[in-house]
Amino acid sequence: MSSHGCTDCRSGFFLGGRRMVRWAPAAFAWAALILAAPEAAQAVELRVLAAGAVESTVHDMVGRFEKESGHTVKLTYGAVGALRDKIYANEPADLTIVTPVIIDQLQAKGLVRSATRTDLGRVGGGIAVRMGAPRPHVGSPEELKQALLAADHVYYADPVTATAGAYFMKIADKLGVGEAVRKKGRSAPGGKEAMLLLAKDPGNAIGVTQNSEIIAVKEVLLVGPYPGDLQLLTTYTGIVLTRTPHPEAAEAFLKFLTSAPVKERFVKAGYEH
């Protein structure tokens, strides 16, 4: 330091008895860099409303995104209809992962950013039993019909709000056993919840929902997919909400969900791309 108190990052001179400070170029550059730091570079908390069918994959991979990005992610899972209603009710959220039908409904109300729409994969439905229970034959529509009739209880997601539950009831009606299934049916808010209930049933019970939700519950066993033309692959799609205060971070999370490691995890959960 000089006798005038100058440091290595600035120099000074006197004018009219007043000391004037001249900042070095390097100091100006550093200050400008701090002031110009974009909001996108700051760590934020993302709120994600996600279909239960993607829970096992997103839950396993979200930590990697948080570590790589510095952001944190708060996840809420549920049936797609229930998630839509949360968005309608203005529940705070940055993005959602639902089915294309729900996205179209949200888009019609201007609640999503259409350009960010990102398909993550397709998954079909299947039949499950409690781990260790006898496996019914479900390789044909007739065999599935007989398995449903023979079961004491049938567990499935709520047909009113869950895609998997609504489609299963269409199958039951197509097989001519809809009334019987409704009488012995045990519904839950989502497919995973239905499988957790199935796991606690000691009797002759059967469960039906998306394959990914069956695979996610270790206490139940995926016996097989819906047979033949009864199978329907459901696409799950992510999209950023219009009202998000963190659009850049939300889009980064969607991009992460399409990365190779996440795609591999989706495949393990029963998805197709």
C-alpha atoms as a PDB file:
ATOM      1  CA  MET A   1       0.000   0.000   0.000  1.00  0.00           C
ATOM      2  CA  SER A   2       1.331   3.482  -0.891  1.00  0.00           C
ATOM      3  CA  SER A   3       1.471   6.455   1.426  1.00  0.00           C
ATOM      4  CA  HIS A   4      -1.855   7.578  -0.036  1.00  0.00           C
ATOM      5  CA  GLY A   5      -3.576   4.303   0.919  1.00  0.00           C
ATOM      6  CA  CYS A   6      -3.750   2.887  -2.620  1.00  0.00           C
ATOM      7  CA  THR A   7      -4.141  -0.896  -2.928  1.00  0.00           C
ATOM      8  CA  ASP A   8      -3.092  -3.249  -5.694  1.00  0.00           C
ATOM      9  CA  CYS A   9      -6.547  -3.038  -7.266  1.00  0.00           C
ATOM     10  CA  ARG A  10      -6.795   0.762  -7.485  1.00  0.00           C
ATOM     11  CA  SER A  11      -4.706   3.865  -7.869  1.00  0.00           C
ATOM     12  CA  GLY A  12      -5.317   7.415  -6.661  1.00  0.00           C
ATOM     13  CA  PHE A  13      -4.480  10.986  -7.355  1.00  0.00           C
ATOM     14  CA  PHE A  14      -5.307  14.353  -5.768  1.00  0.00           C
ATOM     15  CA  LEU A  15      -7.290  17.099  -7.443  1.00  0.00           C
ATOM     16  CA  GLY A  16      -7.945  20.367  -5.667  1.00  0.00           C
ATOM     17  CA  GLY A  17      -6.953  18.804  -2.354  1.00  0.00           C
ATOM     18  CA  ARG A  18      -9.426  15.921  -2.806  1.00  0.00           C
ATOM     19  CA  ARG A  19      -8.281  12.368  -3.330  1.00  0.00           C
ATOM     20  CA  MET A  20      -9.755  10.799  -6.474  1.00  0.00           C
ATOM     21  CA  VAL A  21      -9.856   7.010  -6.943  1.00  0.00           C
ATOM     22  CA  ARG A  22      -9.259   5.363 -10.282  1.00  0.00           C
ATOM     23  CA  TRP A  23     -10.298   1.638 -10.337  1.00  0.00           C
ATOM     24  CA  ALA A  24      -8.182  -0.770 -12.272  1.00  0.00           C
ATOM     25  CA  PRO A  25      -9.783  -2.426 -15.364  1.00  0.00           C
ATOM     26  CA  ALA A  26      -9.689  -5.870 -13.739  1.00  0.00           C
ATOM     27  CA  ALA A  27     -11.764  -4.640 -10.813  1.00  0.00           C
ATOM     28  CA  PHE A  28     -14.348  -3.139 -13.184  1.00  0.00           C
ATOM     29  CA  ALA A  29     -14.599  -6.433 -15.059  1.00  0.00           C
ATOM     30  CA  TRP A  30     -15.175  -8.448 -11.871  1.00  0.00           C
ATOM     31  CA  ALA A  31     -17.868  -6.058 -10.600  1.00  0.00           C
ATOM     32  CA  ALA A  32     -19.622  -6.159 -13.972  1.00  0.00           C
ATOM     33  CA  LEU A  33     -19.574  -9.954 -13.934  1.00  0.00           C
ATOM     34  CA  ILE A  34     -21.286 -10.061 -10.534  1.00  0.00           C
ATOM     35  CA  LEU A  35     -23.909  -7.499 -11.503  1.00  0.00           C
ATOM     36  CA  ALA A  36     -24.628  -9.255 -14.798  1.00  0.00           C
ATOM     37  CA  ALA A  37     -25.094 -12.738 -13.292  1.00  0.00           C
ATOM     38  CA  PRO A  38     -28.350 -14.040 -14.781  1.00  0.00           C
ATOM     39  CA  GLU A  39     -31.200 -15.207 -12.575  1.00  0.00           C
ATOM     40  CA  ALA A  40     -31.072 -18.566 -14.377  1.00  0.00           C
ATOM     41  CA  ALA A  41     -27.691 -19.262 -12.794  1.00  0.00           C
ATOM     42  CA  GLN A  42     -29.098 -18.953  -9.298  1.00  0.00           C
ATOM     43  CA  ALA A  43     -30.274 -22.036  -7.446  1.00  0.00           C
ATOM     44  CA  VAL A  44     -34.054 -22.247  -7.195  1.00  0.00           C
ATOM     45  CA  GLU A  45     -36.670 -24.686  -5.906  1.00  0.00           C
ATOM     46  CA  LEU A  46     -38.724 -26.243  -8.681  1.00  0.00           C
ATOM     47  CA  ARG A  47     -42.224 -27.492  -7.901  1.00  0.00           C
ATOM     48  CA  VAL A  48     -43.228 -30.420 -10.089  1.00  0.00           C
ATOM     49  CA  LEU A  49     -46.672 -32.034 -10.324  1.00  0.00           C
ATOM     50  CA  ALA A  50     -46.060 -35.510 -11.747  1.00  0.00           C
ATOM     51  CA  ALA A  51     -48.214 -38.480 -12.672  1.00  0.00           C
ATOM     52  CA  GLY A  52     -47.803 -41.496 -10.402  1.00  0.00           C
ATOM     53  CA  ALA A  53     -46.810 -43.578 -13.425  1.00  0.00           C
ATOM     54  CA  VAL A  54     -43.445 -41.763 -13.638  1.00  0.00           C
ATOM     55  CA  GLU A  55     -42.730 -41.729  -9.892  1.00  0.00           C
ATOM     56  CA  SER A  56     -40.264 -44.602  -9.721  1.00  0.00           C
ATOM     57  CA  THR A  57     -38.032 -43.137 -12.436  1.00  0.00           C
ATOM     58  CA  VAL A  58     -38.188 -39.479 -11.434  1.00  0.00           C
ATOM     59  CA  HIS A  59     -37.711 -40.307  -7.759  1.00  0.00           C
ATOM     60  CA  ASP A  60     -34.562 -42.304  -8.517  1.00  0.00           C
ATOM     61  CA  MET A  61     -33.021 -39.736 -10.877  1.00  0.00           C
ATOM     62  CA  VAL A  62     -33.955 -36.344  -9.423  1.00  0.00           C
ATOM     63  CA  GLY A  63     -30.997 -36.336  -7.031  1.00  0.00           C
ATOM     64  CA  ARG A  64     -28.634 -36.392  -9.983  1.00  0.00           C
ATOM     65  CA  PHE A  65     -30.289 -33.310 -11.456  1.00  0.00           C
ATOM     66  CA  GLU A  66     -30.108 -31.491  -8.129  1.00  0.00           C
ATOM     67  CA  LYS A  67     -26.412 -32.291  -7.784  1.00  0.00           C
ATOM     68  CA  GLU A  68     -25.550 -31.245 -11.337  1.00  0.00           C
ATOM     69  CA  SER A  69     -27.693 -28.088 -11.465  1.00  0.00           C
ATOM     70  CA  GLY A  70     -27.695 -26.821  -7.887  1.00  0.00           C
ATOM     71  CA  HIS A  71     -31.485 -26.530  -8.014  1.00  0.00           C
ATOM     72  CA  THR A  72     -33.808 -28.418  -5.691  1.00  0.00           C
ATOM     73  CA  VAL A  73     -36.963 -30.182  -6.809  1.00  0.00           C
ATOM     74  CA  LYS A  74     -40.159 -30.580  -4.787  1.00  0.00           C
ATOM     75  CA  LEU A  75     -42.240 -33.387  -6.303  1.00  0.00           C
ATOM     76  CA  THR A  76     -45.954 -34.020  -5.857  1.00  0.00           C
ATOM     77  CA  TYR A  77     -47.332 -37.215  -7.418  1.00  0.00           C
ATOM     78  CA  GLY A  78     -50.906 -38.077  -8.188  1.00  0.00           C
ATOM     79  CA  ALA A  79     -53.499 -39.126 -10.734  1.00  0.00           C
ATOM     80  CA  VAL A  80     -53.393 -36.914 -13.807  1.00  0.00           C
ATOM     81  CA  GLY A  81     -56.935 -35.640 -13.309  1.00  0.00           C
ATOM     82  CA  ALA A  82     -56.141 -34.623  -9.750  1.00  0.00           C
ATOM     83  CA  LEU A  83     -52.982 -32.834 -10.902  1.00  0.00           C
ATOM     84  CA  ARG A  84     -54.962 -30.964 -13.549  1.00  0.00           C
ATOM     85  CA  ASP A  85     -57.364 -29.788 -10.847  1.00  0.00           C
ATOM     86  CA  LYS A  86     -54.455 -28.575  -8.708  1.00  0.00           C
ATOM     87  CA  ILE A  87     -53.244 -26.482 -11.634  1.00  0.00           C
ATOM     88  CA  TYR A  88     -56.751 -25.144 -12.217  1.00  0.00           C
ATOM     89  CA  ALA A  89     -56.804 -24.147  -8.533  1.00  0.00           C
ATOM     90  CA  ASN A  90     -53.535 -22.186  -8.977  1.00  0.00           C
ATOM     91  CA  GLU A  91     -51.444 -24.436  -6.764  1.00  0.00           C
ATOM     92  CA  PRO A  92     -47.834 -23.189  -7.044  1.00  0.00           C
ATOM     93  CA  ALA A  93     -45.972 -25.247  -9.648  1.00  0.00           C
ATOM     94  CA  ASP A  94     -43.348 -24.791 -12.347  1.00  0.00           C
ATOM     95  CA  LEU A  95     -44.027 -27.795 -14.552  1.00  0.00           C
ATOM     96  CA  THR A  96     -46.180 -30.874 -14.770  1.00  0.00           C
ATOM     97  CA  ILE A  97     -45.867 -34.404 -16.155  1.00  0.00           C
ATOM     98  CA  VAL A  98     -49.221 -35.755 -17.281  1.00  0.00           C
ATOM     99  CA  THR A  99     -50.897 -37.307 -20.320  1.00  0.00           C
ATOM    100  CA  PRO A 100     -51.418 -35.531 -23.664  1.00  0.00           C
ATOM    101  CA  VAL A 101     -55.169 -35.337 -23.046  1.00  0.00           C
ATOM    102  CA  ILE A 102     -54.602 -33.381 -19.832  1.00  0.00           C
ATOM    103  CA  ILE A 103     -52.004 -31.167 -21.501  1.00  0.00           C
ATOM    104  CA  ASP A 104     -54.496 -30.294 -24.237  1.00  0.00           C
ATOM    105  CA  GLN A 105     -56.990 -29.269 -21.541  1.00  0.00           C
ATOM    106  CA  LEU A 106     -54.387 -27.098 -19.818  1.00  0.00           C
ATOM    107  CA  GLN A 107     -53.301 -25.608 -23.122  1.00  0.00           C
ATOM    108  CA  ALA A 108     -56.877 -24.638 -23.976  1.00  0.00           C
ATOM    109  CA  LYS A 109     -56.873 -22.464 -20.846  1.00  0.00           C
ATOM    110  CA  GLY A 110     -53.469 -20.936 -21.563  1.00  0.00           C
ATOM    111  CA  LEU A 111     -51.872 -22.529 -18.509  1.00  0.00           C
ATOM    112  CA  VAL A 112     -48.844 -24.133 -20.194  1.00  0.00           C
ATOM    113  CA  ARG A 113     -45.996 -23.076 -22.475  1.00  0.00           C
ATOM    114  CA  SER A 114     -46.684 -25.085 -25.622  1.00  0.00           C
ATOM    115  CA  ALA A 115     -43.139 -24.863 -26.979  1.00  0.00           C
ATOM    116  CA  THR A 116     -41.788 -26.781 -23.967  1.00  0.00           C
ATOM    117  CA  ARG A 117     -43.972 -29.878 -24.490  1.00  0.00           C
ATOM    118  CA  THR A 118     -41.690 -32.922 -24.102  1.00  0.00           C
ATOM    119  CA  ASP A 119     -42.708 -36.577 -24.469  1.00  0.00           C
ATOM    120  CA  LEU A 120     -40.878 -38.784 -21.951  1.00  0.00           C
ATOM    121  CA  GLY A 121     -42.092 -42.249 -22.953  1.00  0.00           C
ATOM    122  CA  ARG A 122     -45.016 -44.654 -23.304  1.00  0.00           C
ATOM    123  CA  VAL A 123     -46.094 -47.359 -20.893  1.00  0.00           C
ATOM    124  CA  GLY A 124     -48.779 -50.038 -20.998  1.00  0.00           C
ATOM    125  CA  GLY A 125     -50.997 -51.592 -18.374  1.00  0.00           C
ATOM    126  CA  GLY A 126     -50.608 -54.929 -16.655  1.00  0.00           C
ATOM    127  CA  ILE A 127     -51.889 -57.412 -14.108  1.00  0.00           C
ATOM    128  CA  ALA A 128     -50.366 -57.949 -10.663  1.00  0.00           C
ATOM    129  CA  VAL A 129     -50.692 -60.214  -7.628  1.00  0.00           C
ATOM    130  CA  ARG A 130     -49.223 -60.067  -4.158  1.00  0.00           C
ATOM    131  CA  MET A 131     -45.657 -61.391  -4.082  1.00  0.00           C
ATOM    132  CA  GLY A 132     -45.785 -65.127  -3.374  1.00  0.00           C
ATOM    133  CA  ALA A 133     -49.437 -65.531  -4.382  1.00  0.00           C
ATOM    134  CA  PRO A 134     -50.454 -67.911  -7.201  1.00  0.00           C
ATOM    135  CA  ARG A 135     -50.137 -66.369 -10.648  1.00  0.00           C
ATOM    136  CA  PRO A 136     -53.310 -66.412 -12.727  1.00  0.00           C
ATOM    137  CA  HIS A 137     -53.182 -67.056 -16.462  1.00  0.00           C
ATOM    138  CA  VAL A 138     -53.657 -63.731 -18.272  1.00  0.00           C
ATOM    139  CA  GLY A 139     -52.146 -64.425 -21.679  1.00  0.00           C
ATOM    140  CA  SER A 140     -55.413 -63.990 -23.564  1.00  0.00           C
ATOM    141  CA  PRO A 141     -58.522 -61.808 -23.115  1.00  0.00           C
ATOM    142  CA  GLU A 142     -60.543 -64.863 -22.063  1.00  0.00           C
ATOM    143  CA  GLU A 143     -57.955 -65.847 -19.451  1.00  0.00           C
ATOM    144  CA  LEU A 144     -57.911 -62.319 -18.060  1.00  0.00           C
ATOM    145  CA  LYS A 145     -61.695 -62.385 -17.874  1.00  0.00           C
ATOM    146  CA  GLN A 146     -61.640 -65.610 -15.878  1.00  0.00           C
ATOM    147  CA  ALA A 147     -58.907 -64.262 -13.580  1.00  0.00           C
ATOM    148  CA  LEU A 148     -60.991 -61.187 -12.800  1.00  0.00           C
ATOM    149  CA  LEU A 149     -64.065 -63.302 -12.100  1.00  0.00           C
ATOM    150  CA  ALA A 150     -62.110 -65.688  -9.860  1.00  0.00           C
ATOM    151  CA  ALA A 151     -60.536 -62.934  -7.733  1.00  0.00           C
ATOM    152  CA  ASP A 152     -62.144 -61.969  -4.431  1.00  0.00           C
ATOM    153  CA  HIS A 153     -60.937 -58.374  -4.791  1.00  0.00           C
ATOM    154  CA  VAL A 154     -59.673 -56.311  -7.734  1.00  0.00           C
ATOM    155  CA  TYR A 155     -57.443 -53.304  -7.017  1.00  0.00           C
ATOM    156  CA  TYR A 156     -57.132 -50.393  -9.428  1.00  0.00           C
ATOM    157  CA  ALA A 157     -56.736 -46.609  -9.592  1.00  0.00           C
ATOM    158  CA  ASP A 158     -59.742 -44.318  -9.300  1.00  0.00           C
ATOM    159  CA  PRO A 159     -61.372 -44.266 -12.767  1.00  0.00           C
ATOM    160  CA  VAL A 160     -62.584 -40.699 -12.231  1.00  0.00           C
ATOM    161  CA  THR A 161     -59.129 -39.114 -12.007  1.00  0.00           C
ATOM    162  CA  ALA A 162     -56.599 -41.760 -13.100  1.00  0.00           C
ATOM    163  CA  THR A 163     -55.916 -42.714 -16.710  1.00  0.00           C
ATOM    164  CA  ALA A 164     -55.039 -46.294 -15.748  1.00  0.00           C
ATOM    165  CA  GLY A 165     -58.244 -46.762 -13.758  1.00  0.00           C
ATOM    166  CA  ALA A 166     -60.471 -45.330 -16.467  1.00  0.00           C
ATOM    167  CA  TYR A 167     -58.925 -47.559 -19.112  1.00  0.00           C
ATOM    168  CA  PHE A 168     -59.154 -50.676 -16.956  1.00  0.00           C
ATOM    169  CA  MET A 169     -62.878 -50.168 -16.492  1.00  0.00           C
ATOM    170  CA  LYS A 170     -63.227 -49.976 -20.273  1.00  0.00           C
ATOM    171  CA  ILE A 171     -61.432 -53.332 -20.477  1.00  0.00           C
ATOM    172  CA  ALA A 172     -63.676 -54.857 -17.826  1.00  0.00           C
ATOM    173  CA  ASP A 173     -66.768 -53.673 -19.675  1.00  0.00           C
ATOM    174  CA  LYS A 174     -65.390 -54.952 -22.984  1.00  0.00           C
ATOM    175  CA  LEU A 175     -64.827 -58.373 -21.409  1.00  0.00           C
ATOM    176  CA  GLY A 176     -68.373 -58.342 -20.050  1.00  0.00           C
ATOM    177  CA  VAL A 177     -67.324 -58.355 -16.388  1.00  0.00           C
ATOM    178  CA  GLY A 178     -67.625 -54.659 -15.577  1.00  0.00           C
ATOM    179  CA  GLU A 179     -70.476 -55.072 -13.107  1.00  0.00           C
ATOM    180  CA  ALA A 180     -68.757 -57.946 -11.292  1.00  0.00           C
ATOM    181  CA  VAL A 181     -65.485 -55.994 -11.090  1.00  0.00           C
ATOM    182  CA  ARG A 182     -67.192 -52.913  -9.675  1.00  0.00           C
ATOM    183  CA  LYS A 183     -68.788 -54.993  -6.912  1.00  0.00           C
ATOM    184  CA  LYS A 184     -65.479 -56.485  -5.788  1.00  0.00           C
ATOM    185  CA  GLY A 185     -63.367 -53.491  -6.769  1.00  0.00           C
ATOM    186  CA  ARG A 186     -61.052 -51.660  -4.391  1.00  0.00           C
ATOM    187  CA  SER A 187     -59.984 -48.321  -5.858  1.00  0.00           C
ATOM    188  CA  ALA A 188     -57.278 -45.947  -4.666  1.00  0.00           C
ATOM    189  CA  PRO A 189     -56.292 -42.385  -5.681  1.00  0.00           C
ATOM    190  CA  GLY A 190     -53.504 -43.730  -7.901  1.00  0.00           C
ATOM    191  CA  GLY A 191     -52.087 -46.943  -9.310  1.00  0.00           C
ATOM    192  CA  LYS A 192     -49.193 -47.193  -6.876  1.00  0.00           C
ATOM    193  CA  GLU A 193     -51.523 -46.727  -3.933  1.00  0.00           C
ATOM    194  CA  ALA A 194     -53.746 -49.482  -5.331  1.00  0.00           C
ATOM    195  CA  MET A 195     -50.761 -51.824  -5.551  1.00  0.00           C
ATOM    196  CA  LEU A 196     -49.773 -51.043  -1.963  1.00  0.00           C
ATOM    197  CA  LEU A 197     -53.276 -52.046  -0.892  1.00  0.00           C
ATOM    198  CA  LEU A 198     -53.030 -55.225  -2.969  1.00  0.00           C
ATOM    199  CA  ALA A 199     -49.795 -56.099  -1.178  1.00  0.00           C
ATOM    200  CA  LYS A 200     -51.667 -56.135   2.154  1.00  0.00           C
ATOM    201  CA  ASP A 201     -54.530 -58.322   0.959  1.00  0.00           C
ATOM    202  CA  PRO A 202     -53.925 -61.921   2.132  1.00  0.00           C
ATOM    203  CA  GLY A 203     -56.711 -63.358   0.008  1.00  0.00           C
ATOM    204  CA  ASN A 204     -57.205 -64.166  -3.657  1.00  0.00           C
ATOM    205  CA  ALA A 205     -56.726 -60.666  -5.031  1.00  0.00           C
ATOM    206  CA  ILE A 206     -55.585 -59.174  -8.308  1.00  0.00           C
ATOM    207  CA  GLY A 207     -54.411 -55.694  -9.260  1.00  0.00           C
ATOM    208  CA  VAL A 208     -54.373 -53.772 -12.541  1.00  0.00           C
ATOM    209  CA  THR A 209     -52.608 -50.522 -13.405  1.00  0.00           C
ATOM    210  CA  GLN A 210     -49.697 -49.145 -15.431  1.00  0.00           C
ATOM    211  CA  ASN A 211     -46.705 -51.502 -15.542  1.00  0.00           C
ATOM    212  CA  SER A 212     -44.407 -48.839 -14.083  1.00  0.00           C
ATOM    213  CA  GLU A 213     -46.605 -48.519 -10.990  1.00  0.00           C
ATOM    214  CA  ILE A 214     -46.595 -52.292 -10.487  1.00  0.00           C
ATOM    215  CA  ILE A 215     -42.824 -52.517 -10.862  1.00  0.00           C
ATOM    216  CA  ALA A 216     -42.405 -49.682  -8.337  1.00  0.00           C
ATOM    217  CA  VAL A 217     -43.968 -51.755  -5.512  1.00  0.00           C
ATOM    218  CA  LYS A 218     -41.648 -54.594  -4.544  1.00  0.00           C
ATOM    219  CA  GLU A 219     -44.354 -56.420  -2.553  1.00  0.00           C
ATOM    220  CA  VAL A 220     -46.337 -57.180  -5.717  1.00  0.00           C
ATOM    221  CA  LEU A 221     -45.483 -59.075  -8.889  1.00  0.00           C
ATOM    222  CA  LEU A 222     -46.202 -58.095 -12.489  1.00  0.00           C
ATOM    223  CA  VAL A 223     -47.830 -61.236 -13.904  1.00  0.00           C
ATOM    224  CA  GLY A 224     -48.093 -59.894 -17.410  1.00  0.00           C
ATOM    225  CA  PRO A 225     -49.312 -57.061 -19.642  1.00  0.00           C
ATOM    226  CA  TYR A 226     -52.850 -56.635 -20.880  1.00  0.00           C
ATOM    227  CA  PRO A 227     -53.171 -59.306 -23.552  1.00  0.00           C
ATOM    228  CA  GLY A 228     -53.553 -58.751 -27.278  1.00  0.00           C
ATOM    229  CA  ASP A 229     -55.551 -55.789 -28.490  1.00  0.00           C
ATOM    230  CA  LEU A 230     -56.551 -54.905 -24.930  1.00  0.00           C
ATOM    231  CA  GLN A 231     -53.180 -53.238 -24.482  1.00  0.00           C
ATOM    232  CA  LEU A 232     -52.947 -49.467 -24.769  1.00  0.00           C
ATOM    233  CA  LEU A 233     -49.707 -47.539 -24.430  1.00  0.00           C
ATOM    234  CA  THR A 234     -50.103 -44.248 -22.573  1.00  0.00           C
ATOM    235  CA  THR A 235     -47.697 -41.400 -23.276  1.00  0.00           C
ATOM    236  CA  TYR A 236     -46.468 -39.253 -20.406  1.00  0.00           C
ATOM    237  CA  THR A 237     -45.399 -35.742 -21.281  1.00  0.00           C
ATOM    238  CA  GLY A 238     -43.730 -32.906 -19.418  1.00  0.00           C
ATOM    239  CA  ILE A 239     -44.534 -29.247 -19.965  1.00  0.00           C
ATOM    240  CA  VAL A 240     -43.673 -25.940 -18.273  1.00  0.00           C
ATOM    241  CA  LEU A 241     -46.519 -23.964 -16.736  1.00  0.00           C
ATOM    242  CA  THR A 242     -47.166 -20.421 -17.912  1.00  0.00           C
ATOM    243  CA  ARG A 243     -47.047 -18.989 -14.399  1.00  0.00           C
ATOM    244  CA  THR A 244     -43.638 -20.396 -13.402  1.00  0.00           C
ATOM    245  CA  PRO A 245     -41.186 -17.818 -12.059  1.00  0.00           C
ATOM    246  CA  HIS A 246     -38.318 -20.125 -13.081  1.00  0.00           C
ATOM    247  CA  PRO A 247     -38.789 -21.005 -16.772  1.00  0.00           C
ATOM    248  CA  GLU A 248     -35.100 -21.611 -17.499  1.00  0.00           C
ATOM    249  CA  ALA A 249     -34.667 -24.037 -14.600  1.00  0.00           C
ATOM    250  CA  ALA A 250     -37.934 -25.797 -15.462  1.00  0.00           C
ATOM    251  CA  GLU A 251     -36.841 -26.297 -19.064  1.00  0.00           C
ATOM    252  CA  ALA A 252     -33.468 -27.569 -17.847  1.00  0.00           C
ATOM    253  CA  PHE A 253     -35.259 -30.210 -15.768  1.00  0.00           C
ATOM    254  CA  LEU A 254     -37.309 -31.333 -18.762  1.00  0.00           C
ATOM    255  CA  LYS A 255     -34.133 -31.585 -20.826  1.00  0.00           C
ATOM    256  CA  PHE A 256     -32.565 -33.678 -18.063  1.00  0.00           C
ATOM    257  CA  LEU A 257     -35.544 -36.061 -18.168  1.00  0.00           C
ATOM    258  CA  THR A 258     -34.721 -36.821 -21.811  1.00  0.00           C
ATOM    259  CA  SER A 259     -31.026 -37.518 -21.155  1.00  0.00           C
ATOM    260  CA  ALA A 260     -29.618 -40.999 -21.776  1.00  0.00           C
ATOM    261  CA  PRO A 261     -29.375 -42.110 -18.103  1.00  0.00           C
ATOM    262  CA  VAL A 262     -32.991 -41.127 -17.442  1.00  0.00           C
ATOM    263  CA  LYS A 263     -34.193 -42.821 -20.628  1.00  0.00           C
ATOM    264  CA  GLU A 264     -32.484 -46.025 -19.492  1.00  0.00           C
ATOM    265  CA  ARG A 265     -34.248 -45.790 -16.134  1.00  0.00           C
ATOM    266  CA  PHE A 266     -37.596 -45.320 -17.850  1.00  0.00           C
ATOM    267  CA  VAL A 267     -36.980 -48.491 -19.854  1.00  0.00           C
ATOM    268  CA  LYS A 268     -36.299 -50.433 -16.648  1.00  0.00           C
ATOM    269  CA  ALA A 269     -39.654 -49.161 -15.351  1.00  0.00           C
ATOM    270  CA  GLY A 270     -41.453 -50.653 -18.342  1.00  0.00           C
ATOM    271  CA  TYR A 271     -41.492 -47.683 -20.693  1.00  0.00           C
ATOM    272  CA  GLU A 272     -40.976 -47.567 -24.429  1.00  0.00           C
ATOM    273  CA  HIS A 273     -39.522 -44.598 -26.352  1.00  0.00           C
END
